[in-house]
Protein backbone atom coordinates (compact mmCIF):
# COMPACT_ATOMS: atom_id res chain seq x y z
CA UNK A 1 0.00 0.00 0.00
CA UNK A 2 2.78 2.39 0.97
CA UNK A 3 4.60 1.51 -2.26
CA UNK A 4 1.49 2.31 -4.33
CA UNK A 5 1.07 5.65 -2.56
CA UNK A 6 4.73 6.49 -3.15
CA UNK A 7 4.44 5.63 -6.84
CA UNK A 8 1.28 7.75 -7.16
CA UNK A 9 2.94 10.68 -5.43
CA UNK A 10 5.97 10.28 -7.68
CA UNK A 11 3.81 10.34 -10.81
CA UNK A 12 1.92 13.41 -9.59
CA UNK A 13 5.20 15.23 -8.88
CA UNK A 14 6.48 14.40 -12.38
CA UNK A 15 3.25 15.69 -13.96
CA UNK A 16 3.45 18.85 -11.87
CA UNK A 17 7.07 19.40 -12.89
CA UNK A 18 6.15 18.95 -16.56
CA UNK A 19 3.38 21.55 -16.21
CA UNK A 20 5.74 23.96 -14.47
CA UNK A 21 8.35 23.43 -17.17
CA UNK A 22 5.76 23.97 -19.93
CA UNK A 23 4.52 27.16 -18.28
CA UNK A 24 8.07 28.40 -17.80
CA UNK A 25 8.86 27.74 -21.46
CA UNK A 26 5.69 29.53 -22.56
CA UNK A 27 6.54 32.50 -20.32
CA UNK A 28 10.08 32.57 -21.72
CA UNK A 29 8.90 32.48 -25.34
CA UNK A 30 6.21 35.08 -24.67
CA UNK A 31 8.68 37.42 -22.96
CA UNK A 32 11.18 36.94 -25.80
CA UNK A 33 8.47 37.66 -28.37
CA UNK A 34 7.46 40.80 -26.54
CA UNK A 35 11.06 41.99 -26.32
CA UNK A 36 11.59 41.34 -30.03
CA UNK A 37 8.49 43.32 -30.92
CA UNK A 38 9.62 46.17 -28.67
CA UNK A 39 13.00 46.26 -30.44
CA UNK A 40 11.36 46.59 -33.85
CA UNK A 41 9.01 49.26 -32.53
CA UNK A 42 12.10 51.13 -31.33
CA UNK A 43 13.64 50.80 -34.80
CA UNK A 44 10.41 52.11 -36.29
CA UNK A 45 10.47 55.16 -34.04
CA UNK A 46 14.04 55.92 -35.12
CA UNK A 47 13.06 55.75 -38.79
CA UNK A 48 9.96 57.91 -38.29
CA UNK A 49 11.84 60.57 -36.28
CA UNK A 50 8.71 62.70 -35.91
CA UNK A 51 6.22 61.95 -33.14
CA UNK A 52 3.60 59.89 -34.98
CA UNK A 53 1.78 57.81 -32.37
CA UNK A 54 -0.86 56.66 -34.86
CA UNK A 55 1.80 55.13 -37.09
CA UNK A 56 3.36 53.26 -34.18
CA UNK A 57 -0.07 52.02 -33.07
CA UNK A 58 -0.72 50.86 -36.64
CA UNK A 59 2.54 48.87 -36.61
CA UNK A 60 1.83 47.37 -33.19
CA UNK A 61 -1.66 46.38 -34.34
CA UNK A 62 -0.31 44.71 -37.50
CA UNK A 63 2.28 42.69 -35.56
CA UNK A 64 -0.38 41.65 -33.04
CA UNK A 65 -2.74 40.61 -35.85
CA UNK A 66 -0.08 38.40 -37.40
CA UNK A 67 0.66 36.56 -34.15
CA UNK A 68 -3.04 36.04 -33.49
CA UNK A 69 -3.83 34.93 -37.04
CA UNK A 70 -1.06 34.14 -39.52
CA UNK A 71 -3.59 34.21 -42.36
CA UNK A 72 -3.89 37.98 -42.11
CA UNK A 73 -0.44 38.14 -43.70
CA UNK A 74 0.15 34.81 -45.46
CA UNK A 75 -1.79 32.63 -47.85
CA UNK A 76 0.04 29.36 -47.57
CA UNK A 77 3.66 30.37 -48.04
CA UNK A 78 2.84 33.53 -49.98
CA UNK A 79 3.30 36.80 -48.11
CA UNK A 80 0.95 39.69 -48.93
CA UNK A 81 1.25 41.89 -45.80
CA UNK A 82 -2.55 42.20 -45.90
CA UNK A 83 -4.41 39.24 -47.36
CA UNK A 84 -7.70 41.16 -47.22
CA UNK A 85 -6.42 43.51 -49.94
CA UNK A 86 -4.33 41.42 -52.34
CA UNK A 87 -4.74 43.89 -55.20
CA UNK A 88 -2.96 46.60 -53.22
CA UNK A 89 -0.36 44.37 -51.57
CA UNK A 90 1.28 42.28 -54.25
CA UNK A 91 2.76 38.97 -53.14
CA UNK A 92 6.46 39.23 -52.28
CA UNK A 93 7.17 35.51 -52.47
CA UNK A 94 9.95 33.96 -50.40
CA UNK A 95 7.48 33.04 -47.72
CA UNK A 96 9.76 30.98 -45.47
CA UNK A 97 12.49 33.61 -45.50
CA UNK A 98 10.01 36.40 -44.87
CA UNK A 99 8.35 34.52 -42.03
CA UNK A 100 11.72 33.96 -40.37
CA UNK A 101 12.18 37.76 -40.30
CA UNK A 102 8.51 38.70 -40.06
CA UNK A 103 8.98 41.74 -37.81
CA UNK A 104 11.38 43.26 -40.36
CA UNK A 105 8.93 42.92 -43.24
CA UNK A 106 5.96 44.10 -41.22
CA UNK A 107 7.88 47.27 -40.31
CA UNK A 108 8.89 47.82 -43.94
CA UNK A 109 5.47 47.24 -45.47
CA UNK A 110 3.62 49.12 -42.75
CA UNK A 111 5.84 52.17 -43.21
CA UNK A 112 5.89 51.80 -46.99
CA UNK A 113 2.10 51.97 -46.97
CA UNK A 114 2.23 55.28 -45.12
CA UNK A 115 5.12 57.05 -46.91
CA UNK A 116 7.79 56.71 -44.24
CA UNK A 117 9.57 54.33 -46.63
CA UNK A 118 9.57 54.08 -50.40
CA UNK A 119 10.51 50.98 -52.39
CA UNK A 120 12.16 51.51 -55.77
CA UNK A 121 12.99 49.06 -58.51
CA UNK A 122 16.67 48.62 -59.40
CA UNK A 123 15.91 49.82 -62.95
CA UNK A 124 16.06 53.60 -62.79
CA UNK A 125 12.94 55.61 -63.54
CA UNK A 126 13.88 59.20 -62.75
CA UNK A 127 10.35 60.53 -62.42
CA UNK A 128 9.43 57.73 -60.02
CA UNK A 129 12.59 58.37 -58.01
CA UNK A 130 11.77 62.06 -57.75
CA UNK A 131 8.17 61.29 -56.80
CA UNK A 132 9.30 58.85 -54.11
CA UNK A 133 11.80 61.28 -52.58
CA UNK A 134 9.20 64.06 -52.55
CA UNK A 135 6.72 61.78 -50.75
CA UNK A 136 9.29 60.91 -48.08
CA UNK A 137 10.15 64.57 -47.52
CA UNK A 138 6.51 65.69 -47.50
CA UNK A 139 5.56 63.07 -44.92
CA UNK A 140 8.03 64.50 -42.41
CA UNK A 141 7.72 68.11 -43.48
CA UNK A 142 11.39 68.30 -44.53
CA UNK A 143 12.54 70.87 -47.06
CA UNK A 144 15.20 69.26 -49.22
CA UNK A 145 16.96 70.07 -52.51
CA UNK A 146 14.98 69.10 -55.59
CA UNK A 147 15.98 65.88 -57.31
CA UNK A 148 17.20 66.85 -60.78
CA UNK A 149 15.83 64.46 -63.40
CA UNK A 150 17.97 66.19 -66.06
CA UNK A 151 21.32 65.43 -64.41
CA UNK A 152 23.66 62.88 -66.00
CA UNK A 153 23.03 59.47 -64.45
CA UNK A 154 24.55 57.46 -67.30
CA UNK A 155 25.39 53.88 -66.37
CA UNK A 156 23.89 54.11 -62.89
CA UNK A 157 21.22 51.87 -61.44
CA UNK A 158 18.73 53.21 -58.91
CA UNK A 159 21.16 52.72 -56.03
CA UNK A 160 23.86 54.66 -57.83
CA UNK A 161 21.46 57.49 -58.64
CA UNK A 162 20.34 57.75 -55.03
CA UNK A 163 23.97 57.76 -53.89
CA UNK A 164 24.72 60.66 -56.22
CA UNK A 165 21.72 62.62 -54.97
CA UNK A 166 22.64 61.80 -51.38
CA UNK A 167 25.87 63.76 -51.77
CA UNK A 168 23.70 66.86 -52.21
CA UNK A 169 21.29 65.93 -49.42
CA UNK A 170 24.00 65.38 -46.81
CA UNK A 171 25.16 68.98 -47.21
CA UNK A 172 21.68 70.05 -46.10
CA UNK A 173 21.62 67.81 -43.03
CA UNK A 174 19.61 64.92 -44.49
CA UNK A 175 20.45 61.50 -45.85
CA UNK A 176 18.78 58.63 -47.68
CA UNK A 177 19.27 55.21 -46.13
CA UNK A 178 18.83 51.78 -47.66
CA UNK A 179 17.10 48.91 -45.83
CA UNK A 180 18.22 45.58 -47.26
CA UNK A 181 15.46 43.01 -47.81
CA UNK A 182 17.62 40.65 -49.89
CA UNK A 183 16.01 41.58 -53.20
CA UNK A 184 16.79 43.74 -56.22
CA UNK A 185 14.61 46.60 -54.98
CA UNK A 186 15.72 49.57 -52.92
CA UNK A 187 13.75 50.20 -49.73
CA UNK A 188 14.56 53.80 -48.88
CA UNK A 189 14.02 56.18 -45.97
CA UNK A 190 14.81 59.87 -45.62
CA UNK A 191 16.20 60.85 -42.23
CA UNK A 192 18.21 63.62 -40.64
CA UNK A 193 21.93 62.92 -40.95
CA UNK A 194 22.42 63.31 -37.20
CA UNK A 195 20.14 60.30 -36.62
CA UNK A 196 21.63 57.97 -39.24
CA UNK A 197 24.07 56.17 -36.92
CA UNK A 198 21.26 55.39 -34.45
CA UNK A 199 19.14 53.79 -37.18
CA UNK A 200 22.07 51.85 -38.64
CA UNK A 201 23.22 50.63 -35.21
CA UNK A 202 19.71 49.48 -34.28
CA UNK A 203 19.49 47.61 -37.58
CA UNK A 204 22.82 45.89 -36.86
CA UNK A 205 21.59 44.95 -33.39
CA UNK A 206 18.65 43.18 -35.03
CA UNK A 207 20.88 41.56 -37.70
CA UNK A 208 19.61 43.70 -40.57
CA UNK A 209 21.65 45.70 -43.06
CA UNK A 210 20.86 49.39 -43.05
CA UNK A 211 23.28 51.83 -44.63
CA UNK A 212 23.57 55.24 -46.24
CA UNK A 213 23.47 55.42 -50.02
C-alpha atoms as a PDB file:
ATOM      1  CA  UNK A   1       0.000   0.000   0.000  1.00  0.00           C
ATOM      2  CA  UNK A   2       2.775   2.385   0.967  1.00  0.00           C
ATOM      3  CA  UNK A   3       4.604   1.511  -2.263  1.00  0.00           C
ATOM      4  CA  UNK A   4       1.487   2.307  -4.327  1.00  0.00           C
ATOM      5  CA  UNK A   5       1.071   5.649  -2.565  1.00  0.00           C
ATOM      6  CA  UNK A   6       4.727   6.493  -3.149  1.00  0.00           C
ATOM      7  CA  UNK A   7       4.438   5.632  -6.838  1.00  0.00           C
ATOM      8  CA  UNK A   8       1.280   7.747  -7.160  1.00  0.00           C
ATOM      9  CA  UNK A   9       2.936  10.678  -5.427  1.00  0.00           C
ATOM     10  CA  UNK A  10       5.971  10.279  -7.676  1.00  0.00           C
ATOM     11  CA  UNK A  11       3.805  10.338 -10.815  1.00  0.00           C
ATOM     12  CA  UNK A  12       1.924  13.415  -9.593  1.00  0.00           C
ATOM     13  CA  UNK A  13       5.200  15.235  -8.884  1.00  0.00           C
ATOM     14  CA  UNK A  14       6.480  14.399 -12.380  1.00  0.00           C
ATOM     15  CA  UNK A  15       3.249  15.688 -13.956  1.00  0.00           C
ATOM     16  CA  UNK A  16       3.452  18.847 -11.866  1.00  0.00           C
ATOM     17  CA  UNK A  17       7.071  19.403 -12.893  1.00  0.00           C
ATOM     18  CA  UNK A  18       6.146  18.954 -16.560  1.00  0.00           C
ATOM     19  CA  UNK A  19       3.382  21.547 -16.209  1.00  0.00           C
ATOM     20  CA  UNK A  20       5.744  23.960 -14.468  1.00  0.00           C
ATOM     21  CA  UNK A  21       8.353  23.426 -17.170  1.00  0.00           C
ATOM     22  CA  UNK A  22       5.764  23.972 -19.933  1.00  0.00           C
ATOM     23  CA  UNK A  23       4.515  27.162 -18.282  1.00  0.00           C
ATOM     24  CA  UNK A  24       8.067  28.401 -17.802  1.00  0.00           C
ATOM     25  CA  UNK A  25       8.856  27.735 -21.455  1.00  0.00           C
ATOM     26  CA  UNK A  26       5.694  29.535 -22.560  1.00  0.00           C
ATOM     27  CA  UNK A  27       6.537  32.496 -20.322  1.00  0.00           C
ATOM     28  CA  UNK A  28      10.078  32.570 -21.717  1.00  0.00           C
ATOM     29  CA  UNK A  29       8.900  32.483 -25.338  1.00  0.00           C
ATOM     30  CA  UNK A  30       6.206  35.081 -24.669  1.00  0.00           C
ATOM     31  CA  UNK A  31       8.678  37.417 -22.963  1.00  0.00           C
ATOM     32  CA  UNK A  32      11.176  36.941 -25.798  1.00  0.00           C
ATOM     33  CA  UNK A  33       8.473  37.661 -28.375  1.00  0.00           C
ATOM     34  CA  UNK A  34       7.457  40.804 -26.539  1.00  0.00           C
ATOM     35  CA  UNK A  35      11.058  41.988 -26.319  1.00  0.00           C
ATOM     36  CA  UNK A  36      11.588  41.338 -30.026  1.00  0.00           C
ATOM     37  CA  UNK A  37       8.491  43.324 -30.917  1.00  0.00           C
ATOM     38  CA  UNK A  38       9.621  46.174 -28.670  1.00  0.00           C
ATOM     39  CA  UNK A  39      13.002  46.261 -30.435  1.00  0.00           C
ATOM     40  CA  UNK A  40      11.358  46.586 -33.846  1.00  0.00           C
ATOM     41  CA  UNK A  41       9.009  49.262 -32.528  1.00  0.00           C
ATOM     42  CA  UNK A  42      12.103  51.131 -31.329  1.00  0.00           C
ATOM     43  CA  UNK A  43      13.636  50.796 -34.799  1.00  0.00           C
ATOM     44  CA  UNK A  44      10.408  52.110 -36.287  1.00  0.00           C
ATOM     45  CA  UNK A  45      10.467  55.161 -34.035  1.00  0.00           C
ATOM     46  CA  UNK A  46      14.040  55.921 -35.117  1.00  0.00           C
ATOM     47  CA  UNK A  47      13.055  55.748 -38.787  1.00  0.00           C
ATOM     48  CA  UNK A  48       9.960  57.907 -38.289  1.00  0.00           C
ATOM     49  CA  UNK A  49      11.842  60.571 -36.277  1.00  0.00           C
ATOM     50  CA  UNK A  50       8.712  62.697 -35.915  1.00  0.00           C
ATOM     51  CA  UNK A  51       6.217  61.947 -33.140  1.00  0.00           C
ATOM     52  CA  UNK A  52       3.598  59.892 -34.985  1.00  0.00           C
ATOM     53  CA  UNK A  53       1.781  57.811 -32.366  1.00  0.00           C
ATOM     54  CA  UNK A  54      -0.861  56.658 -34.865  1.00  0.00           C
ATOM     55  CA  UNK A  55       1.803  55.126 -37.089  1.00  0.00           C
ATOM     56  CA  UNK A  56       3.355  53.258 -34.183  1.00  0.00           C
ATOM     57  CA  UNK A  57      -0.068  52.018 -33.068  1.00  0.00           C
ATOM     58  CA  UNK A  58      -0.719  50.862 -36.636  1.00  0.00           C
ATOM     59  CA  UNK A  59       2.535  48.874 -36.614  1.00  0.00           C
ATOM     60  CA  UNK A  60       1.829  47.374 -33.189  1.00  0.00           C
ATOM     61  CA  UNK A  61      -1.663  46.378 -34.344  1.00  0.00           C
ATOM     62  CA  UNK A  62      -0.309  44.709 -37.496  1.00  0.00           C
ATOM     63  CA  UNK A  63       2.282  42.693 -35.560  1.00  0.00           C
ATOM     64  CA  UNK A  64      -0.379  41.654 -33.040  1.00  0.00           C
ATOM     65  CA  UNK A  65      -2.738  40.609 -35.851  1.00  0.00           C
ATOM     66  CA  UNK A  66      -0.078  38.402 -37.401  1.00  0.00           C
ATOM     67  CA  UNK A  67       0.664  36.563 -34.151  1.00  0.00           C
ATOM     68  CA  UNK A  68      -3.044  36.045 -33.490  1.00  0.00           C
ATOM     69  CA  UNK A  69      -3.831  34.927 -37.038  1.00  0.00           C
ATOM     70  CA  UNK A  70      -1.061  34.143 -39.521  1.00  0.00           C
ATOM     71  CA  UNK A  71      -3.594  34.205 -42.359  1.00  0.00           C
ATOM     72  CA  UNK A  72      -3.887  37.979 -42.107  1.00  0.00           C
ATOM     73  CA  UNK A  73      -0.436  38.140 -43.704  1.00  0.00           C
ATOM     74  CA  UNK A  74       0.150  34.807 -45.461  1.00  0.00           C
ATOM     75  CA  UNK A  75      -1.791  32.632 -47.854  1.00  0.00           C
ATOM     76  CA  UNK A  76       0.040  29.355 -47.572  1.00  0.00           C
ATOM     77  CA  UNK A  77       3.664  30.374 -48.044  1.00  0.00           C
ATOM     78  CA  UNK A  78       2.838  33.534 -49.978  1.00  0.00           C
ATOM     79  CA  UNK A  79       3.302  36.796 -48.113  1.00  0.00           C
ATOM     80  CA  UNK A  80       0.946  39.686 -48.931  1.00  0.00           C
ATOM     81  CA  UNK A  81       1.253  41.888 -45.802  1.00  0.00           C
ATOM     82  CA  UNK A  82      -2.550  42.200 -45.895  1.00  0.00           C
ATOM     83  CA  UNK A  83      -4.409  39.238 -47.365  1.00  0.00           C
ATOM     84  CA  UNK A  84      -7.704  41.160 -47.224  1.00  0.00           C
ATOM     85  CA  UNK A  85      -6.418  43.513 -49.942  1.00  0.00           C
ATOM     86  CA  UNK A  86      -4.327  41.415 -52.336  1.00  0.00           C
ATOM     87  CA  UNK A  87      -4.744  43.894 -55.196  1.00  0.00           C
ATOM     88  CA  UNK A  88      -2.957  46.598 -53.223  1.00  0.00           C
ATOM     89  CA  UNK A  89      -0.361  44.373 -51.571  1.00  0.00           C
ATOM     90  CA  UNK A  90       1.277  42.276 -54.249  1.00  0.00           C
ATOM     91  CA  UNK A  91       2.759  38.971 -53.136  1.00  0.00           C
ATOM     92  CA  UNK A  92       6.457  39.234 -52.285  1.00  0.00           C
ATOM     93  CA  UNK A  93       7.174  35.509 -52.474  1.00  0.00           C
ATOM     94  CA  UNK A  94       9.949  33.961 -50.398  1.00  0.00           C
ATOM     95  CA  UNK A  95       7.478  33.038 -47.719  1.00  0.00           C
ATOM     96  CA  UNK A  96       9.758  30.979 -45.467  1.00  0.00           C
ATOM     97  CA  UNK A  97      12.495  33.610 -45.498  1.00  0.00           C
ATOM     98  CA  UNK A  98      10.014  36.404 -44.874  1.00  0.00           C
ATOM     99  CA  UNK A  99       8.350  34.518 -42.031  1.00  0.00           C
ATOM    100  CA  UNK A 100      11.723  33.957 -40.369  1.00  0.00           C
ATOM    101  CA  UNK A 101      12.177  37.760 -40.300  1.00  0.00           C
ATOM    102  CA  UNK A 102       8.511  38.704 -40.060  1.00  0.00           C
ATOM    103  CA  UNK A 103       8.976  41.741 -37.810  1.00  0.00           C
ATOM    104  CA  UNK A 104      11.381  43.255 -40.359  1.00  0.00           C
ATOM    105  CA  UNK A 105       8.931  42.918 -43.238  1.00  0.00           C
ATOM    106  CA  UNK A 106       5.956  44.104 -41.219  1.00  0.00           C
ATOM    107  CA  UNK A 107       7.878  47.275 -40.312  1.00  0.00           C
ATOM    108  CA  UNK A 108       8.894  47.815 -43.936  1.00  0.00           C
ATOM    109  CA  UNK A 109       5.473  47.243 -45.470  1.00  0.00           C
ATOM    110  CA  UNK A 110       3.617  49.115 -42.748  1.00  0.00           C
ATOM    111  CA  UNK A 111       5.841  52.167 -43.214  1.00  0.00           C
ATOM    112  CA  UNK A 112       5.892  51.799 -46.988  1.00  0.00           C
ATOM    113  CA  UNK A 113       2.096  51.971 -46.968  1.00  0.00           C
ATOM    114  CA  UNK A 114       2.231  55.283 -45.117  1.00  0.00           C
ATOM    115  CA  UNK A 115       5.116  57.047 -46.911  1.00  0.00           C
ATOM    116  CA  UNK A 116       7.795  56.709 -44.240  1.00  0.00           C
ATOM    117  CA  UNK A 117       9.566  54.333 -46.627  1.00  0.00           C
ATOM    118  CA  UNK A 118       9.572  54.083 -50.395  1.00  0.00           C
ATOM    119  CA  UNK A 119      10.513  50.979 -52.388  1.00  0.00           C
ATOM    120  CA  UNK A 120      12.157  51.514 -55.766  1.00  0.00           C
ATOM    121  CA  UNK A 121      12.994  49.056 -58.510  1.00  0.00           C
ATOM    122  CA  UNK A 122      16.667  48.618 -59.399  1.00  0.00           C
ATOM    123  CA  UNK A 123      15.908  49.816 -62.949  1.00  0.00           C
ATOM    124  CA  UNK A 124      16.064  53.597 -62.787  1.00  0.00           C
ATOM    125  CA  UNK A 125      12.937  55.612 -63.540  1.00  0.00           C
ATOM    126  CA  UNK A 126      13.882  59.201 -62.755  1.00  0.00           C
ATOM    127  CA  UNK A 127      10.349  60.527 -62.422  1.00  0.00           C
ATOM    128  CA  UNK A 128       9.432  57.730 -60.017  1.00  0.00           C
ATOM    129  CA  UNK A 129      12.587  58.368 -58.008  1.00  0.00           C
ATOM    130  CA  UNK A 130      11.766  62.062 -57.754  1.00  0.00           C
ATOM    131  CA  UNK A 131       8.166  61.294 -56.796  1.00  0.00           C
ATOM    132  CA  UNK A 132       9.302  58.848 -54.106  1.00  0.00           C
ATOM    133  CA  UNK A 133      11.797  61.281 -52.581  1.00  0.00           C
ATOM    134  CA  UNK A 134       9.200  64.057 -52.545  1.00  0.00           C
ATOM    135  CA  UNK A 135       6.719  61.777 -50.751  1.00  0.00           C
ATOM    136  CA  UNK A 136       9.287  60.911 -48.083  1.00  0.00           C
ATOM    137  CA  UNK A 137      10.147  64.575 -47.522  1.00  0.00           C
ATOM    138  CA  UNK A 138       6.515  65.691 -47.500  1.00  0.00           C
ATOM    139  CA  UNK A 139       5.556  63.067 -44.922  1.00  0.00           C
ATOM    140  CA  UNK A 140       8.026  64.503 -42.411  1.00  0.00           C
ATOM    141  CA  UNK A 141       7.723  68.110 -43.481  1.00  0.00           C
ATOM    142  CA  UNK A 142      11.388  68.297 -44.526  1.00  0.00           C
ATOM    143  CA  UNK A 143      12.542  70.868 -47.058  1.00  0.00           C
ATOM    144  CA  UNK A 144      15.197  69.263 -49.221  1.00  0.00           C
ATOM    145  CA  UNK A 145      16.961  70.072 -52.513  1.00  0.00           C
ATOM    146  CA  UNK A 146      14.979  69.097 -55.587  1.00  0.00           C
ATOM    147  CA  UNK A 147      15.975  65.883 -57.305  1.00  0.00           C
ATOM    148  CA  UNK A 148      17.199  66.849 -60.777  1.00  0.00           C
ATOM    149  CA  UNK A 149      15.831  64.462 -63.400  1.00  0.00           C
ATOM    150  CA  UNK A 150      17.967  66.190 -66.064  1.00  0.00           C
ATOM    151  CA  UNK A 151      21.317  65.432 -64.410  1.00  0.00           C
ATOM    152  CA  UNK A 152      23.662  62.878 -66.002  1.00  0.00           C
ATOM    153  CA  UNK A 153      23.035  59.471 -64.454  1.00  0.00           C
ATOM    154  CA  UNK A 154      24.550  57.460 -67.300  1.00  0.00           C
ATOM    155  CA  UNK A 155      25.389  53.876 -66.370  1.00  0.00           C
ATOM    156  CA  UNK A 156      23.886  54.112 -62.885  1.00  0.00           C
ATOM    157  CA  UNK A 157      21.220  51.870 -61.443  1.00  0.00           C
ATOM    158  CA  UNK A 158      18.730  53.210 -58.910  1.00  0.00           C
ATOM    159  CA  UNK A 159      21.159  52.720 -56.025  1.00  0.00           C
ATOM    160  CA  UNK A 160      23.860  54.656 -57.835  1.00  0.00           C
ATOM    161  CA  UNK A 161      21.463  57.486 -58.637  1.00  0.00           C
ATOM    162  CA  UNK A 162      20.337  57.755 -55.029  1.00  0.00           C
ATOM    163  CA  UNK A 163      23.970  57.761 -53.888  1.00  0.00           C
ATOM    164  CA  UNK A 164      24.717  60.660 -56.217  1.00  0.00           C
ATOM    165  CA  UNK A 165      21.723  62.625 -54.969  1.00  0.00           C
ATOM    166  CA  UNK A 166      22.645  61.802 -51.375  1.00  0.00           C
ATOM    167  CA  UNK A 167      25.873  63.763 -51.768  1.00  0.00           C
ATOM    168  CA  UNK A 168      23.703  66.865 -52.212  1.00  0.00           C
ATOM    169  CA  UNK A 169      21.291  65.926 -49.424  1.00  0.00           C
ATOM    170  CA  UNK A 170      24.000  65.383 -46.813  1.00  0.00           C
ATOM    171  CA  UNK A 171      25.164  68.983 -47.210  1.00  0.00           C
ATOM    172  CA  UNK A 172      21.681  70.047 -46.095  1.00  0.00           C
ATOM    173  CA  UNK A 173      21.615  67.807 -43.031  1.00  0.00           C
ATOM    174  CA  UNK A 174      19.612  64.919 -44.494  1.00  0.00           C
ATOM    175  CA  UNK A 175      20.452  61.504 -45.846  1.00  0.00           C
ATOM    176  CA  UNK A 176      18.783  58.634 -47.680  1.00  0.00           C
ATOM    177  CA  UNK A 177      19.266  55.211 -46.128  1.00  0.00           C
ATOM    178  CA  UNK A 178      18.829  51.781 -47.659  1.00  0.00           C
ATOM    179  CA  UNK A 179      17.096  48.910 -45.835  1.00  0.00           C
ATOM    180  CA  UNK A 180      18.225  45.581 -47.261  1.00  0.00           C
ATOM    181  CA  UNK A 181      15.462  43.009 -47.815  1.00  0.00           C
ATOM    182  CA  UNK A 182      17.624  40.651 -49.887  1.00  0.00           C
ATOM    183  CA  UNK A 183      16.013  41.583 -53.199  1.00  0.00           C
ATOM    184  CA  UNK A 184      16.788  43.741 -56.224  1.00  0.00           C
ATOM    185  CA  UNK A 185      14.614  46.600 -54.979  1.00  0.00           C
ATOM    186  CA  UNK A 186      15.718  49.573 -52.915  1.00  0.00           C
ATOM    187  CA  UNK A 187      13.746  50.202 -49.726  1.00  0.00           C
ATOM    188  CA  UNK A 188      14.559  53.800 -48.884  1.00  0.00           C
ATOM    189  CA  UNK A 189      14.024  56.183 -45.973  1.00  0.00           C
ATOM    190  CA  UNK A 190      14.806  59.868 -45.615  1.00  0.00           C
ATOM    191  CA  UNK A 191      16.199  60.850 -42.225  1.00  0.00           C
ATOM    192  CA  UNK A 192      18.207  63.617 -40.638  1.00  0.00           C
ATOM    193  CA  UNK A 193      21.930  62.924 -40.946  1.00  0.00           C
ATOM    194  CA  UNK A 194      22.422  63.308 -37.201  1.00  0.00           C
ATOM    195  CA  UNK A 195      20.139  60.297 -36.624  1.00  0.00           C
ATOM    196  CA  UNK A 196      21.633  57.966 -39.237  1.00  0.00           C
ATOM    197  CA  UNK A 197      24.067  56.170 -36.919  1.00  0.00           C
ATOM    198  CA  UNK A 198      21.259  55.387 -34.445  1.00  0.00           C
ATOM    199  CA  UNK A 199      19.143  53.790 -37.177  1.00  0.00           C
ATOM    200  CA  UNK A 200      22.073  51.853 -38.637  1.00  0.00           C
ATOM    201  CA  UNK A 201      23.219  50.635 -35.210  1.00  0.00           C
ATOM    202  CA  UNK A 202      19.715  49.478 -34.284  1.00  0.00           C
ATOM    203  CA  UNK A 203      19.492  47.605 -37.577  1.00  0.00           C
ATOM    204  CA  UNK A 204      22.823  45.894 -36.859  1.00  0.00           C
ATOM    205  CA  UNK A 205      21.587  44.950 -33.387  1.00  0.00           C
ATOM    206  CA  UNK A 206      18.650  43.181 -35.029  1.00  0.00           C
ATOM    207  CA  UNK A 207      20.876  41.560 -37.702  1.00  0.00           C
ATOM    208  CA  UNK A 208      19.606  43.698 -40.572  1.00  0.00           C
ATOM    209  CA  UNK A 209      21.650  45.702 -43.056  1.00  0.00           C
ATOM    210  CA  UNK A 210      20.863  49.395 -43.050  1.00  0.00           C
ATOM    211  CA  UNK A 211      23.281  51.827 -44.632  1.00  0.00           C
ATOM    212  CA  UNK A 212      23.574  55.237 -46.236  1.00  0.00           C
ATOM    213  CA  UNK A 213      23.474  55.418 -50.022  1.00  0.00           C
END
